[in-house]
Amino acid sequence: MKQVGTPMKTGKRSPCPEEPDIRLVVQFATIRMEFVACLTAALVFVQDVARRRLCDVTVACGHYPDLPRLPNERLYLVP
């Protein structure tokens, strides 16, 4: 049973540990955010952003242990 007032743990674990993590730099006009996401979620996220033309996204490979995971990353894995 979940306790009231207990924050949910987001963790830093990938929903697809067999895939590499991809760094996503999301740039709005005045705001820059950086995240990591598994390869599949990153690709779907980039396609979604490109289709909607919401912001610019830069993609890079590498190990980024200090970056937060893409919010709602698992939603980009569901068709």
N, C-alpha and C. Protein backbone atom coordinates (compact mmCIF):
# COMPACT_ATOMS: atom_id res chain seq x y z
N MET A 1 0.84 -1.17 0.00
CA MET A 1 0.00 0.00 0.00
C MET A 1 0.89 1.24 0.00
N LYS A 2 0.55 2.20 -0.87
CA LYS A 2 1.34 3.42 -0.97
C LYS A 2 0.95 4.40 0.13
N GLN A 3 1.95 4.99 0.75
CA GLN A 3 1.69 5.97 1.79
C GLN A 3 1.36 7.31 1.18
N VAL A 4 0.43 8.02 1.79
CA VAL A 4 0.06 9.35 1.32
C VAL A 4 1.22 10.29 1.59
N GLY A 5 1.54 11.13 0.61
CA GLY A 5 2.60 12.11 0.78
C GLY A 5 3.99 11.59 0.48
N THR A 6 4.11 10.32 0.10
CA THR A 6 5.42 9.76 -0.25
C THR A 6 5.70 10.04 -1.72
N PRO A 7 6.81 10.72 -2.02
CA PRO A 7 7.10 11.00 -3.43
C PRO A 7 7.43 9.72 -4.18
N MET A 8 7.03 9.68 -5.45
CA MET A 8 7.34 8.52 -6.28
C MET A 8 8.81 8.55 -6.65
N LYS A 9 9.44 7.41 -6.69
CA LYS A 9 10.84 7.32 -7.11
C LYS A 9 10.87 7.18 -8.62
N THR A 10 11.64 8.03 -9.27
CA THR A 10 11.77 7.93 -10.72
C THR A 10 12.94 7.05 -11.09
N GLY A 11 13.98 7.07 -10.32
CA GLY A 11 15.14 6.23 -10.58
C GLY A 11 15.91 6.67 -11.81
N LYS A 12 17.05 6.05 -12.00
CA LYS A 12 17.89 6.37 -13.16
C LYS A 12 18.04 5.15 -14.05
N ARG A 13 17.22 4.15 -13.86
CA ARG A 13 17.34 2.92 -14.64
C ARG A 13 16.57 3.05 -15.94
N SER A 14 17.18 2.57 -16.99
CA SER A 14 16.55 2.59 -18.31
C SER A 14 15.43 1.56 -18.38
N PRO A 15 14.34 1.88 -19.06
CA PRO A 15 13.30 0.87 -19.26
C PRO A 15 13.74 -0.20 -20.26
N CYS A 16 14.81 0.06 -21.01
CA CYS A 16 15.39 -0.89 -21.97
C CYS A 16 16.89 -0.98 -21.73
N PRO A 17 17.31 -1.69 -20.69
CA PRO A 17 18.74 -1.73 -20.34
C PRO A 17 19.63 -2.32 -21.43
N GLU A 18 19.06 -3.05 -22.38
CA GLU A 18 19.86 -3.63 -23.46
C GLU A 18 20.21 -2.60 -24.54
N GLU A 19 19.56 -1.44 -24.51
CA GLU A 19 19.82 -0.38 -25.48
C GLU A 19 20.76 0.67 -24.89
N PRO A 20 21.53 1.34 -25.75
CA PRO A 20 22.38 2.42 -25.24
C PRO A 20 21.54 3.63 -24.86
N ASP A 21 22.04 4.42 -23.94
CA ASP A 21 21.39 5.68 -23.60
C ASP A 21 21.85 6.76 -24.55
N ILE A 22 20.93 7.63 -24.91
CA ILE A 22 21.18 8.72 -25.83
C ILE A 22 20.95 10.03 -25.09
N ARG A 23 21.83 10.98 -25.29
CA ARG A 23 21.68 12.31 -24.69
C ARG A 23 20.79 13.15 -25.60
N LEU A 24 19.79 13.79 -25.00
CA LEU A 24 18.89 14.69 -25.74
C LEU A 24 19.03 16.09 -25.17
N VAL A 25 19.37 17.05 -26.01
CA VAL A 25 19.42 18.45 -25.61
C VAL A 25 18.22 19.12 -26.26
N VAL A 26 17.28 19.54 -25.43
CA VAL A 26 16.03 20.15 -25.90
C VAL A 26 16.17 21.66 -25.73
N GLN A 27 16.05 22.40 -26.84
CA GLN A 27 16.25 23.85 -26.81
C GLN A 27 14.98 24.57 -27.26
N PHE A 28 14.36 25.27 -26.33
CA PHE A 28 13.28 26.20 -26.66
C PHE A 28 13.94 27.56 -26.87
N ALA A 29 13.18 28.59 -27.13
CA ALA A 29 13.75 29.91 -27.39
C ALA A 29 14.67 30.36 -26.25
N THR A 30 14.25 30.22 -25.01
CA THR A 30 15.05 30.71 -23.88
C THR A 30 15.35 29.65 -22.83
N ILE A 31 14.96 28.41 -23.09
CA ILE A 31 15.15 27.34 -22.11
C ILE A 31 15.89 26.18 -22.76
N ARG A 32 16.89 25.66 -22.05
CA ARG A 32 17.64 24.49 -22.52
C ARG A 32 17.54 23.41 -21.45
N MET A 33 17.16 22.19 -21.88
CA MET A 33 17.06 21.06 -20.97
C MET A 33 17.84 19.89 -21.56
N GLU A 34 18.46 19.09 -20.68
CA GLU A 34 19.20 17.93 -21.12
C GLU A 34 18.70 16.69 -20.39
N PHE A 35 18.55 15.60 -21.16
CA PHE A 35 18.05 14.34 -20.62
C PHE A 35 18.81 13.19 -21.27
N VAL A 36 18.65 12.02 -20.71
CA VAL A 36 19.06 10.78 -21.37
C VAL A 36 17.82 9.93 -21.54
N ALA A 37 17.85 9.10 -22.58
CA ALA A 37 16.74 8.18 -22.84
C ALA A 37 17.31 6.99 -23.59
N CYS A 38 16.64 5.86 -23.48
CA CYS A 38 17.07 4.69 -24.24
C CYS A 38 16.88 5.01 -25.73
N LEU A 39 17.59 4.29 -26.58
CA LEU A 39 17.62 4.58 -28.01
C LEU A 39 16.22 4.65 -28.62
N THR A 40 15.37 3.67 -28.35
CA THR A 40 14.03 3.64 -28.94
C THR A 40 13.21 4.85 -28.51
N ALA A 41 13.19 5.15 -27.22
CA ALA A 41 12.42 6.30 -26.73
C ALA A 41 12.98 7.60 -27.30
N ALA A 42 14.30 7.70 -27.42
CA ALA A 42 14.91 8.91 -27.97
C ALA A 42 14.49 9.12 -29.42
N LEU A 43 14.49 8.06 -30.21
CA LEU A 43 14.10 8.17 -31.62
C LEU A 43 12.64 8.59 -31.77
N VAL A 44 11.77 8.00 -30.99
CA VAL A 44 10.34 8.35 -31.06
C VAL A 44 10.13 9.78 -30.57
N PHE A 45 10.84 10.19 -29.53
CA PHE A 45 10.74 11.55 -29.02
C PHE A 45 11.17 12.56 -30.08
N VAL A 46 12.30 12.30 -30.74
CA VAL A 46 12.79 13.21 -31.77
C VAL A 46 11.79 13.30 -32.93
N GLN A 47 11.22 12.18 -33.34
CA GLN A 47 10.22 12.19 -34.40
C GLN A 47 8.98 12.99 -33.99
N ASP A 48 8.55 12.81 -32.75
CA ASP A 48 7.38 13.53 -32.25
C ASP A 48 7.63 15.04 -32.22
N VAL A 49 8.79 15.44 -31.73
CA VAL A 49 9.15 16.86 -31.67
C VAL A 49 9.24 17.44 -33.09
N ALA A 50 9.86 16.70 -34.02
CA ALA A 50 10.00 17.19 -35.40
C ALA A 50 8.63 17.36 -36.06
N ARG A 51 7.74 16.42 -35.80
CA ARG A 51 6.40 16.49 -36.38
C ARG A 51 5.63 17.69 -35.86
N ARG A 52 5.78 17.98 -34.58
CA ARG A 52 5.04 19.08 -33.95
C ARG A 52 5.76 20.42 -34.04
N ARG A 53 7.05 20.38 -34.34
CA ARG A 53 7.88 21.60 -34.43
C ARG A 53 7.80 22.43 -33.14
N LEU A 54 7.97 21.75 -32.02
CA LEU A 54 7.87 22.41 -30.71
C LEU A 54 9.17 23.10 -30.29
N CYS A 55 10.29 22.50 -30.65
CA CYS A 55 11.59 23.00 -30.21
C CYS A 55 12.67 22.31 -31.04
N ASP A 56 13.91 22.62 -30.76
CA ASP A 56 15.04 21.95 -31.41
C ASP A 56 15.59 20.88 -30.47
N VAL A 57 15.99 19.76 -31.04
CA VAL A 57 16.57 18.67 -30.25
C VAL A 57 17.89 18.27 -30.88
N THR A 58 18.93 18.20 -30.05
CA THR A 58 20.23 17.70 -30.47
C THR A 58 20.44 16.35 -29.81
N VAL A 59 21.00 15.41 -30.55
CA VAL A 59 21.18 14.04 -30.08
C VAL A 59 22.68 13.73 -30.03
N ALA A 60 23.12 13.05 -28.96
CA ALA A 60 24.52 12.65 -28.84
C ALA A 60 24.61 11.33 -28.10
N CYS A 61 25.62 10.55 -28.41
CA CYS A 61 25.87 9.30 -27.69
C CYS A 61 26.93 9.54 -26.62
N GLY A 62 26.98 8.65 -25.66
CA GLY A 62 28.00 8.75 -24.61
C GLY A 62 27.42 8.35 -23.28
N HIS A 63 28.23 8.44 -22.26
CA HIS A 63 27.82 8.07 -20.91
C HIS A 63 27.56 9.35 -20.12
N TYR A 64 26.32 9.55 -19.70
CA TYR A 64 25.92 10.77 -18.99
C TYR A 64 25.20 10.41 -17.70
N PRO A 65 25.92 9.95 -16.69
CA PRO A 65 25.28 9.46 -15.46
C PRO A 65 24.60 10.56 -14.63
N ASP A 66 24.97 11.82 -14.83
CA ASP A 66 24.41 12.89 -14.01
C ASP A 66 23.14 13.51 -14.60
N LEU A 67 22.80 13.17 -15.83
CA LEU A 67 21.62 13.75 -16.44
C LEU A 67 20.37 12.98 -16.02
N PRO A 68 19.25 13.67 -15.87
CA PRO A 68 18.00 12.97 -15.55
C PRO A 68 17.47 12.24 -16.78
N ARG A 69 16.66 11.24 -16.55
CA ARG A 69 16.03 10.51 -17.65
C ARG A 69 14.91 11.37 -18.24
N LEU A 70 14.61 11.15 -19.50
CA LEU A 70 13.53 11.85 -20.17
C LEU A 70 12.23 11.60 -19.41
N PRO A 71 11.52 12.67 -19.02
CA PRO A 71 10.26 12.47 -18.30
C PRO A 71 9.30 11.61 -19.13
N ASN A 72 8.65 10.69 -18.47
CA ASN A 72 7.69 9.79 -19.12
C ASN A 72 8.31 8.99 -20.27
N GLU A 73 9.56 8.64 -20.11
CA GLU A 73 10.31 7.92 -21.14
C GLU A 73 9.56 6.66 -21.61
N ARG A 74 8.95 5.95 -20.70
CA ARG A 74 8.26 4.71 -21.07
C ARG A 74 7.10 4.95 -22.06
N LEU A 75 6.50 6.13 -22.01
CA LEU A 75 5.39 6.42 -22.93
C LEU A 75 5.85 6.44 -24.39
N TYR A 76 7.13 6.73 -24.62
CA TYR A 76 7.65 6.75 -25.98
C TYR A 76 8.00 5.35 -26.48
N LEU A 77 7.79 4.34 -25.66
CA LEU A 77 8.03 2.95 -26.05
C LEU A 77 6.76 2.24 -26.44
N VAL A 78 5.62 2.85 -26.14
CA VAL A 78 4.32 2.24 -26.42
C VAL A 78 3.79 2.78 -27.74
N PRO A 79 3.39 1.89 -28.66
CA PRO A 79 2.88 2.36 -29.96
C PRO A 79 1.57 3.13 -29.82
